[in-house]
Amino acid sequence: MTRAVFIAAMLPFLKQTDDNPHGLPEAALAAAMAEIGADRPKWLARQAQAFFATHLGNEVSPALMDHTMAQCLSASPWATFQVQREALHADHRAGLREIGIPTLVVHGAADFSAPVEVTGRRTAELIPGTTYKEYPTAGHGIYASHHAQFNADLLEFIKA
């Protein structure tokens, strides 16, 4: 059986345009990219707790945060920048409307990397018949901070 799962996805379209007024302003996107380009380790270190939303009581060990940051830093800076640029500028709205298989969309309400009102909720609205799960205290690192809940929801979706 074929199914799709989107977890904390940076979809459908992040950039604010005339036909996407709820997107993020180009200036904000450019500023974030400039910060990443200027000092990626500093930017990652500053964002680590927000990534996992530990300020909301999510228990993620410092070791896991360090491991995640090391993984991010092991990727090519050029490739990382290109992936981020593509994620910020790519418009996936039409493609999402064409998905015709059972789909689960999981997103954190506290996701600063991919704000839920711009991404998760809108992605779920575009895919016909989507199962949507929103975790109130989850950030972008939902796979770690809410692993037990996510695994349970994923198994339930697979078995349905």
C-alpha atoms as a PDB file:
ATOM      1  CA  MET A   1       0.000   0.000   0.000  1.00  0.00           C
ATOM      2  CA  THR A   2       1.362   3.401  -0.957  1.00  0.00           C
ATOM      3  CA  ARG A   3       1.222   6.285   1.510  1.00  0.00           C
ATOM      4  CA  ALA A   4       3.026   9.587   2.078  1.00  0.00           C
ATOM      5  CA  VAL A   5       4.112  11.330   5.267  1.00  0.00           C
ATOM      6  CA  PHE A   6       5.235  14.941   5.631  1.00  0.00           C
ATOM      7  CA  ILE A   7       6.829  15.758   8.989  1.00  0.00           C
ATOM      8  CA  ALA A   8       7.667  19.418   9.700  1.00  0.00           C
ATOM      9  CA  ALA A   9       7.804  19.955   5.938  1.00  0.00           C
ATOM     10  CA  MET A  10       8.739  23.344   4.514  1.00  0.00           C
ATOM     11  CA  LEU A  11       5.802  23.224   2.113  1.00  0.00           C
ATOM     12  CA  PRO A  12       3.778  24.386   0.234  1.00  0.00           C
ATOM     13  CA  PHE A  13       5.369  27.807  -0.496  1.00  0.00           C
ATOM     14  CA  LEU A  14       7.227  29.941   2.013  1.00  0.00           C
ATOM     15  CA  LYS A  15       7.741  33.196   0.116  1.00  0.00           C
ATOM     16  CA  GLN A  16       5.167  35.984   0.287  1.00  0.00           C
ATOM     17  CA  THR A  17       3.825  36.909  -3.151  1.00  0.00           C
ATOM     18  CA  ASP A  18       0.645  38.494  -4.498  1.00  0.00           C
ATOM     19  CA  ASP A  19      -0.999  35.064  -4.691  1.00  0.00           C
ATOM     20  CA  ASN A  20       0.597  33.903  -1.408  1.00  0.00           C
ATOM     21  CA  PRO A  21      -0.033  36.810   0.985  1.00  0.00           C
ATOM     22  CA  HIS A  22       0.442  34.675   4.105  1.00  0.00           C
ATOM     23  CA  GLY A  23       3.982  33.710   3.132  1.00  0.00           C
ATOM     24  CA  LEU A  24       7.138  35.166   4.633  1.00  0.00           C
ATOM     25  CA  PRO A  25       8.470  38.489   3.302  1.00  0.00           C
ATOM     26  CA  GLU A  26      11.442  38.233   0.945  1.00  0.00           C
ATOM     27  CA  ALA A  27      13.468  40.578   3.185  1.00  0.00           C
ATOM     28  CA  ALA A  28      13.068  38.243   6.170  1.00  0.00           C
ATOM     29  CA  LEU A  29      14.129  35.263   4.092  1.00  0.00           C
ATOM     30  CA  ALA A  30      17.156  37.154   2.738  1.00  0.00           C
ATOM     31  CA  ALA A  31      18.179  38.217   6.252  1.00  0.00           C
ATOM     32  CA  ALA A  32      18.031  34.631   7.520  1.00  0.00           C
ATOM     33  CA  MET A  33      20.077  33.401   4.579  1.00  0.00           C
ATOM     34  CA  ALA A  34      22.649  36.164   5.171  1.00  0.00           C
ATOM     35  CA  GLU A  35      22.986  35.129   8.829  1.00  0.00           C
ATOM     36  CA  ILE A  36      23.486  31.501   7.860  1.00  0.00           C
ATOM     37  CA  GLY A  37      26.020  32.480   5.214  1.00  0.00           C
ATOM     38  CA  ALA A  38      27.969  34.747   7.540  1.00  0.00           C
ATOM     39  CA  ASP A  39      28.436  32.281  10.407  1.00  0.00           C
ATOM     40  CA  ARG A  40      26.585  28.998  10.054  1.00  0.00           C
ATOM     41  CA  PRO A  41      27.911  27.425  13.300  1.00  0.00           C
ATOM     42  CA  LYS A  42      26.852  30.485  15.300  1.00  0.00           C
ATOM     43  CA  TRP A  43      23.410  30.499  13.667  1.00  0.00           C
ATOM     44  CA  LEU A  44      22.917  26.780  14.333  1.00  0.00           C
ATOM     45  CA  ALA A  45      24.061  27.067  17.957  1.00  0.00           C
ATOM     46  CA  ARG A  46      21.686  29.996  18.545  1.00  0.00           C
ATOM     47  CA  GLN A  47      18.752  28.087  17.026  1.00  0.00           C
ATOM     48  CA  ALA A  48      19.316  24.675  18.625  1.00  0.00           C
ATOM     49  CA  GLN A  49      16.940  25.055  21.564  1.00  0.00           C
ATOM     50  CA  ALA A  50      14.248  26.675  19.400  1.00  0.00           C
ATOM     51  CA  PHE A  51      14.629  23.856  16.844  1.00  0.00           C
ATOM     52  CA  PHE A  52      13.548  21.347  19.485  1.00  0.00           C
ATOM     53  CA  ALA A  53      11.329  23.838  21.403  1.00  0.00           C
ATOM     54  CA  THR A  54      12.982  22.891  24.673  1.00  0.00           C
ATOM     55  CA  HIS A  55      11.709  26.183  26.122  1.00  0.00           C
ATOM     56  CA  LEU A  56       8.261  24.536  26.057  1.00  0.00           C
ATOM     57  CA  GLY A  57       9.350  21.655  28.271  1.00  0.00           C
ATOM     58  CA  ASN A  58      10.407  19.216  25.567  1.00  0.00           C
ATOM     59  CA  GLU A  59      13.153  16.984  26.881  1.00  0.00           C
ATOM     60  CA  VAL A  60      15.938  16.707  24.356  1.00  0.00           C
ATOM     61  CA  SER A  61      19.401  16.011  25.678  1.00  0.00           C
ATOM     62  CA  PRO A  62      22.244  18.440  25.096  1.00  0.00           C
ATOM     63  CA  ALA A  63      24.098  15.511  23.521  1.00  0.00           C
ATOM     64  CA  LEU A  64      21.344  15.045  20.917  1.00  0.00           C
ATOM     65  CA  MET A  65      21.317  18.772  20.208  1.00  0.00           C
ATOM     66  CA  ASP A  66      25.101  18.704  19.752  1.00  0.00           C
ATOM     67  CA  HIS A  67      24.845  15.622  17.525  1.00  0.00           C
ATOM     68  CA  THR A  68      22.207  17.297  15.347  1.00  0.00           C
ATOM     69  CA  MET A  69      24.327  20.425  15.025  1.00  0.00           C
ATOM     70  CA  ALA A  70      27.354  18.313  14.077  1.00  0.00           C
ATOM     71  CA  GLN A  71      25.290  16.586  11.387  1.00  0.00           C
ATOM     72  CA  CYS A  72      24.202  19.954  10.011  1.00  0.00           C
ATOM     73  CA  LEU A  73      27.778  21.235  10.012  1.00  0.00           C
ATOM     74  CA  SER A  74      29.044  18.099   8.245  1.00  0.00           C
ATOM     75  CA  ALA A  75      27.039  19.020   5.150  1.00  0.00           C
ATOM     76  CA  SER A  76      28.621  21.215   2.521  1.00  0.00           C
ATOM     77  CA  PRO A  77      27.932  24.903   3.258  1.00  0.00           C
ATOM     78  CA  TRP A  78      27.214  25.505  -0.432  1.00  0.00           C
ATOM     79  CA  ALA A  79      24.772  22.581  -0.613  1.00  0.00           C
ATOM     80  CA  THR A  80      23.088  23.633   2.627  1.00  0.00           C
ATOM     81  CA  PHE A  81      22.619  27.152   1.289  1.00  0.00           C
ATOM     82  CA  GLN A  82      21.186  25.838  -1.988  1.00  0.00           C
ATOM     83  CA  VAL A  83      18.740  23.533  -0.197  1.00  0.00           C
ATOM     84  CA  GLN A  84      17.589  26.393   2.032  1.00  0.00           C
ATOM     85  CA  ARG A  85      17.233  28.729  -0.937  1.00  0.00           C
ATOM     86  CA  GLU A  86      15.189  26.158  -2.827  1.00  0.00           C
ATOM     87  CA  ALA A  87      12.972  25.476   0.201  1.00  0.00           C
ATOM     88  CA  LEU A  88      12.275  29.186   0.570  1.00  0.00           C
ATOM     89  CA  HIS A  89      11.482  29.850  -3.084  1.00  0.00           C
ATOM     90  CA  ALA A  90       9.941  26.640  -4.452  1.00  0.00           C
ATOM     91  CA  ASP A  91       6.178  26.620  -4.955  1.00  0.00           C
ATOM     92  CA  HIS A  92       4.709  23.151  -4.376  1.00  0.00           C
ATOM     93  CA  ARG A  93       1.030  24.130  -4.182  1.00  0.00           C
ATOM     94  CA  ALA A  94      -0.013  22.614  -7.517  1.00  0.00           C
ATOM     95  CA  GLY A  95       1.861  19.356  -6.901  1.00  0.00           C
ATOM     96  CA  LEU A  96       0.362  18.877  -3.451  1.00  0.00           C
ATOM     97  CA  ARG A  97      -3.163  19.213  -4.897  1.00  0.00           C
ATOM     98  CA  GLU A  98      -2.382  16.263  -7.180  1.00  0.00           C
ATOM     99  CA  ILE A  99      -1.460  13.800  -4.431  1.00  0.00           C
ATOM    100  CA  GLY A 100      -3.986  10.996  -4.562  1.00  0.00           C
ATOM    101  CA  ILE A 101      -2.732   8.590  -1.910  1.00  0.00           C
ATOM    102  CA  PRO A 102      -3.371   8.534   1.843  1.00  0.00           C
ATOM    103  CA  THR A 103      -1.195  11.242   3.366  1.00  0.00           C
ATOM    104  CA  LEU A 104      -0.217  12.140   6.916  1.00  0.00           C
ATOM    105  CA  VAL A 105       0.961  15.672   7.676  1.00  0.00           C
ATOM    106  CA  VAL A 106       2.562  16.196  11.105  1.00  0.00           C
ATOM    107  CA  HIS A 107       3.699  19.615  12.252  1.00  0.00           C
ATOM    108  CA  GLY A 108       4.628  21.420  15.436  1.00  0.00           C
ATOM    109  CA  ALA A 109       2.747  24.551  16.445  1.00  0.00           C
ATOM    110  CA  ALA A 110       6.028  25.976  17.791  1.00  0.00           C
ATOM    111  CA  ASP A 111       8.060  25.353  14.621  1.00  0.00           C
ATOM    112  CA  PHE A 112      10.109  28.504  13.968  1.00  0.00           C
ATOM    113  CA  SER A 113      11.880  27.031  10.911  1.00  0.00           C
ATOM    114  CA  ALA A 114       8.633  26.277   9.114  1.00  0.00           C
ATOM    115  CA  PRO A 115       5.855  28.276  10.823  1.00  0.00           C
ATOM    116  CA  VAL A 116       2.788  26.044  11.059  1.00  0.00           C
ATOM    117  CA  GLU A 117       0.380  28.669   9.729  1.00  0.00           C
ATOM    118  CA  VAL A 118       2.497  29.026   6.567  1.00  0.00           C
ATOM    119  CA  THR A 119       3.426  25.372   6.148  1.00  0.00           C
ATOM    120  CA  GLY A 120       1.779  22.456   7.971  1.00  0.00           C
ATOM    121  CA  ARG A 121      -1.804  23.693   8.015  1.00  0.00           C
ATOM    122  CA  ARG A 122      -1.658  24.915   4.438  1.00  0.00           C
ATOM    123  CA  THR A 123      -0.061  21.689   3.209  1.00  0.00           C
ATOM    124  CA  ALA A 124      -2.833  19.666   4.846  1.00  0.00           C
ATOM    125  CA  GLU A 125      -5.485  21.887   3.259  1.00  0.00           C
ATOM    126  CA  LEU A 126      -4.058  21.327  -0.221  1.00  0.00           C
ATOM    127  CA  ILE A 127      -3.869  17.522  -0.157  1.00  0.00           C
ATOM    128  CA  PRO A 128      -7.275  15.856  -0.521  1.00  0.00           C
ATOM    129  CA  GLY A 129      -8.203  13.607   2.405  1.00  0.00           C
ATOM    130  CA  THR A 130      -5.104  14.339   4.467  1.00  0.00           C
ATOM    131  CA  THR A 131      -4.753  13.161   8.040  1.00  0.00           C
ATOM    132  CA  TYR A 132      -3.357  16.168   9.925  1.00  0.00           C
ATOM    133  CA  LYS A 133      -1.661  16.056  13.323  1.00  0.00           C
ATOM    134  CA  GLU A 134      -0.443  19.208  15.035  1.00  0.00           C
ATOM    135  CA  TYR A 135       1.609  18.964  18.211  1.00  0.00           C
ATOM    136  CA  PRO A 136       1.158  22.112  20.333  1.00  0.00           C
ATOM    137  CA  THR A 137       4.626  22.106  21.920  1.00  0.00           C
ATOM    138  CA  ALA A 138       6.692  20.748  19.022  1.00  0.00           C
ATOM    139  CA  GLY A 139       9.298  22.677  17.072  1.00  0.00           C
ATOM    140  CA  HIS A 140      10.998  21.652  13.840  1.00  0.00           C
ATOM    141  CA  GLY A 141      12.900  18.824  15.567  1.00  0.00           C
ATOM    142  CA  ILE A 142       9.661  16.943  16.203  1.00  0.00           C
ATOM    143  CA  TYR A 143      11.368  13.634  15.340  1.00  0.00           C
ATOM    144  CA  ALA A 144      13.348  13.899  18.581  1.00  0.00           C
ATOM    145  CA  SER A 145      11.212  15.956  20.936  1.00  0.00           C
ATOM    146  CA  HIS A 146       7.992  14.043  20.224  1.00  0.00           C
ATOM    147  CA  HIS A 147       9.346  10.728  18.949  1.00  0.00           C
ATOM    148  CA  ALA A 148       6.974   8.537  20.979  1.00  0.00           C
ATOM    149  CA  GLN A 149       3.871  10.458  19.907  1.00  0.00           C
ATOM    150  CA  PHE A 150       5.048  10.650  16.297  1.00  0.00           C
ATOM    151  CA  ASN A 151       5.852   6.927  16.155  1.00  0.00           C
ATOM    152  CA  ALA A 152       2.402   6.094  17.578  1.00  0.00           C
ATOM    153  CA  ASP A 153       0.676   8.387  15.074  1.00  0.00           C
ATOM    154  CA  LEU A 154       2.757   6.976  12.221  1.00  0.00           C
ATOM    155  CA  LEU A 155       1.917   3.360  13.150  1.00  0.00           C
ATOM    156  CA  GLU A 156      -1.756   4.248  13.449  1.00  0.00           C
ATOM    157  CA  PHE A 157      -1.650   5.852   9.995  1.00  0.00           C
ATOM    158  CA  ILE A 158       0.147   2.877   8.444  1.00  0.00           C
ATOM    159  CA  LYS A 159      -2.323   0.409   9.938  1.00  0.00           C
ATOM    160  CA  ALA A 160      -5.428   2.382   8.863  1.00  0.00           C
END
